[in-house]
Protein backbone atom coordinates (compact mmCIF):
# COMPACT_ATOMS: atom_id res chain seq x y z
CA MET A 1 0.00 0.00 0.00
CA SER A 2 1.46 3.34 -1.04
CA VAL A 3 0.76 6.22 1.33
CA LYS A 4 1.29 9.68 -0.10
CA ASN A 5 -0.80 11.70 2.30
CA PHE A 6 1.54 12.55 5.16
CA ASP A 7 -1.24 14.69 6.65
CA ASP A 8 -3.52 11.67 7.05
CA PRO A 9 -5.66 12.25 10.17
CA ARG A 10 -4.87 8.71 11.38
CA LEU A 11 -1.19 9.66 11.58
CA THR A 12 -2.17 12.85 13.37
CA ALA A 13 -4.33 10.92 15.87
CA VAL A 14 -1.55 8.49 16.77
CA GLY A 15 1.04 11.28 16.85
CA LEU A 16 -1.08 13.41 19.17
CA LEU A 17 -1.73 10.45 21.44
CA ALA A 18 2.00 9.69 21.65
CA GLU A 19 2.86 13.35 22.32
CA VAL A 20 0.22 13.67 25.04
CA TYR A 21 1.28 10.41 26.70
CA ALA A 22 4.97 11.41 26.67
CA GLY A 23 4.14 14.85 28.06
CA LEU A 24 1.94 13.45 30.81
CA MET A 25 4.51 10.84 31.85
CA ALA A 26 7.26 13.47 31.96
CA GLY A 27 5.03 15.64 34.17
CA PHE A 28 4.20 12.72 36.47
CA HIS A 29 7.82 11.58 36.83
CA PRO A 30 8.93 13.98 39.63
CA ALA A 31 6.19 12.83 42.05
CA MET A 32 6.87 9.17 41.29
CA ALA A 33 10.62 9.63 41.60
CA ALA A 34 10.16 11.36 44.96
CA ALA A 35 8.26 8.26 46.10
CA ARG A 36 11.03 6.04 44.66
CA LEU A 37 8.64 4.41 42.16
CA SER A 38 9.32 3.86 38.48
CA GLU A 39 6.41 4.15 36.06
CA ILE A 40 5.89 0.36 35.98
CA ASP A 41 6.30 0.09 39.77
CA PHE A 42 3.62 2.76 40.23
CA GLU A 43 1.30 1.09 37.73
CA THR A 44 1.76 -2.29 39.43
CA VAL A 45 1.14 -0.97 42.94
CA LEU A 46 -1.86 1.07 41.77
CA ARG A 47 -3.41 -1.88 39.91
CA LEU A 48 -3.02 -4.03 43.03
CA ALA A 49 -4.55 -1.31 45.21
CA ARG A 50 -7.57 -1.04 42.89
CA SER A 51 -8.13 -4.81 42.68
CA PRO A 52 -10.34 -7.00 44.88
CA ARG A 53 -8.55 -7.77 48.15
CA GLN A 54 -5.70 -5.64 46.79
CA SER A 55 -4.19 -8.65 45.04
CA LEU A 56 -4.06 -10.20 41.58
CA ARG A 57 -2.92 -13.49 40.12
CA MET A 58 0.53 -12.97 38.66
CA SER A 59 -0.78 -13.93 35.20
CA ASP A 60 -3.59 -11.35 35.48
CA LEU A 61 -1.13 -8.69 36.64
CA ALA A 62 1.05 -9.48 33.61
CA ALA A 63 -1.96 -9.19 31.30
CA GLN A 64 -3.09 -5.91 32.88
CA THR A 65 0.33 -4.28 32.66
CA GLY A 66 1.18 -5.68 29.24
CA LEU A 67 4.33 -7.28 30.63
CA SER A 68 5.44 -10.81 29.91
CA THR A 69 5.17 -13.26 32.79
CA SER A 70 8.93 -13.03 33.33
CA GLY A 71 8.73 -9.23 33.17
CA VAL A 72 6.03 -9.04 35.82
CA THR A 73 7.97 -11.52 37.94
CA ARG A 74 10.99 -9.17 37.89
CA VAL A 75 8.83 -6.18 38.84
CA VAL A 76 7.13 -8.08 41.68
CA ASP A 77 10.51 -9.43 42.86
CA ARG A 78 11.83 -5.86 43.08
CA LEU A 79 8.70 -4.56 44.83
CA GLU A 80 8.80 -7.53 47.19
CA ARG A 81 12.43 -6.74 48.15
CA GLU A 82 11.26 -3.21 48.99
CA GLY A 83 8.41 -4.61 51.11
CA LEU A 84 5.71 -3.03 48.92
CA VAL A 85 4.27 -6.30 47.60
CA THR A 86 4.15 -9.86 48.84
CA ARG A 87 3.57 -13.05 46.93
CA ARG A 88 0.99 -15.63 48.05
CA ALA A 89 0.29 -19.12 46.79
CA CYS A 90 -3.12 -19.81 45.29
CA ALA A 91 -5.07 -22.17 47.54
CA SER A 92 -6.98 -23.77 44.64
CA ASP A 93 -4.19 -23.96 42.02
CA ARG A 94 -0.64 -24.81 43.08
CA ARG A 95 0.71 -23.51 39.76
CA ALA A 96 -0.60 -20.01 40.40
CA SER A 97 0.47 -17.29 42.80
CA TYR A 98 -0.85 -13.88 43.72
CA ALA A 99 0.87 -10.55 44.14
CA ALA A 100 -0.64 -8.64 47.05
CA LEU A 101 -0.13 -5.07 48.19
CA THR A 102 1.42 -4.76 51.66
CA ASP A 103 0.71 -2.05 54.22
CA ALA A 104 4.04 -0.46 53.23
CA GLY A 105 3.00 -0.54 49.57
CA ARG A 106 -0.32 1.09 50.40
CA GLU A 107 1.47 3.77 52.45
CA ARG A 108 3.93 4.47 49.61
CA LEU A 109 1.06 4.78 47.16
CA GLU A 110 -0.87 7.04 49.55
CA SER A 111 2.21 9.25 49.88
CA VAL A 112 2.41 9.91 46.13
CA LEU A 113 -1.29 10.07 45.26
CA PRO A 114 -2.07 13.64 46.41
CA GLN A 115 0.66 15.13 44.17
CA HIS A 116 -0.07 12.67 41.36
CA LEU A 117 -3.77 13.55 41.39
CA GLN A 118 -2.90 17.26 41.39
CA ASP A 119 -0.58 16.70 38.42
CA ILE A 120 -3.34 14.80 36.59
CA ASP A 121 -5.80 17.61 37.27
CA ASP A 122 -3.35 20.35 36.23
CA THR A 123 -2.28 18.75 32.95
CA PHE A 124 -5.15 16.51 31.90
CA THR A 125 -8.57 16.12 33.50
CA GLY A 126 -8.79 19.71 34.72
CA LEU A 127 -8.51 20.93 31.13
CA LEU A 128 -11.79 19.18 30.23
CA ASP A 129 -15.29 19.95 31.44
CA ALA A 130 -17.33 17.07 32.90
CA GLU A 131 -19.03 16.23 29.60
CA GLU A 132 -15.75 16.24 27.65
CA LEU A 133 -14.07 14.05 30.27
CA GLU A 134 -16.93 11.52 30.23
CA ALA A 135 -16.84 11.33 26.42
CA PHE A 136 -13.04 11.07 26.40
CA LEU A 137 -13.00 8.25 28.98
CA SER A 138 -15.67 6.39 27.00
CA THR A 139 -13.59 6.76 23.83
CA LEU A 140 -10.42 5.58 25.59
CA ARG A 141 -12.23 2.51 26.95
CA LYS A 142 -13.56 1.69 23.48
CA ILE A 143 -10.05 1.83 22.03
CA ARG A 144 -8.48 0.04 25.02
CA ASN A 145 -10.94 -2.85 24.67
CA VAL A 146 -9.67 -3.39 21.12
CA VAL A 147 -5.94 -2.91 21.62
CA ARG A 148 -5.58 -4.26 25.19
CA PRO A 149 -8.58 -6.51 25.94
CA CYS A 150 -6.75 -8.00 28.95
CA ALA A 151 -6.15 -4.66 30.64
CA THR A 152 -8.80 -5.35 33.28
CA VAL A 153 -8.57 -9.14 33.57
CA GLY A 154 -8.85 -10.27 37.18
CA ALA A 155 -9.95 -6.83 38.35
CA MET A 156 -13.53 -7.86 39.13
CA GLU A 157 -14.74 -9.94 42.05
CA PRO A 158 -15.41 -13.54 40.98
CA GLY A 159 -18.99 -13.98 39.82
CA LYS A 160 -19.55 -10.26 39.10
CA ALA A 161 -19.98 -8.90 35.60
CA SER A 162 -16.97 -7.14 34.14
CA GLN A 163 -16.94 -4.07 31.93
CA ALA A 164 -13.99 -5.54 30.08
CA SER A 165 -14.34 -6.92 26.62
CA PRO A 166 -15.64 -10.52 26.41
CA VAL A 167 -12.80 -11.33 24.02
CA SER A 168 -10.19 -13.67 25.44
CA CYS A 169 -6.73 -12.30 26.10
CA GLY A 170 -4.57 -12.13 23.03
CA GLU A 171 -7.51 -11.60 20.67
CA ARG A 172 -8.70 -8.23 19.51
CA ASP A 173 -12.33 -7.18 19.81
CA THR A 174 -13.10 -5.38 16.58
CA SER A 175 -16.90 -5.44 16.87
CA ASP A 176 -17.00 -1.63 17.32
CA VAL A 177 -14.54 -0.93 14.51
CA PRO A 178 -15.93 0.01 11.09
CA ASP A 179 -15.53 -2.74 8.48
CA ALA A 180 -13.09 -0.67 6.40
CA LEU A 181 -10.75 -0.33 9.38
CA ASN A 182 -11.08 -4.02 10.21
CA ALA A 183 -10.09 -4.90 6.66
CA SER A 184 -7.07 -2.60 6.69
CA ALA A 185 -6.04 -3.76 10.18
CA SER A 186 -6.20 -7.41 9.21
CA GLY A 187 -4.31 -6.70 6.02
CA SER A 188 -1.53 -4.83 7.82
CA ALA A 189 -1.24 -7.39 10.61
CA ALA A 190 0.64 -9.77 8.34
CA SER A 191 3.24 -7.15 7.53
CA VAL A 192 4.03 -6.35 11.17
């Protein structure tokens, strides 16, 4: 496929998203660094804090963070050495283990959250009115459910309905994507 339109709005959309993400992360870095948390450490601790019983199966934590199982093991090992996370065996499946937030992990997260929330408000959510924010979050969830369907796996209490996509991890839910985009996405997948 020959692309001659360098002003294609799809390129602009992805470029803007990358620029905003990079800018936000750079703005969030000082608060996280002051709490001695890397971006992935913060994400891991926050995901555990927001999960039922403040714990997740290691495989679910890997799926939520987008890390490989060995990658999430290294992160949890590091957080465990710092006393922020502990690992527990699964009572019903000897092959599985859980990462659980410790009191020290909760305290570390609580120490960074006031500044982090202020930074979010100053550079992101505070720039949008309530209606814009609601529409933006809905749009982000729609996209997230296609590109990262496992981002919320394990986050719901067992037996409760999840807002996550019903697609199994590793598959992409393209039911909300126009047919023309589905066709181009499936055609480009082979070239990646």
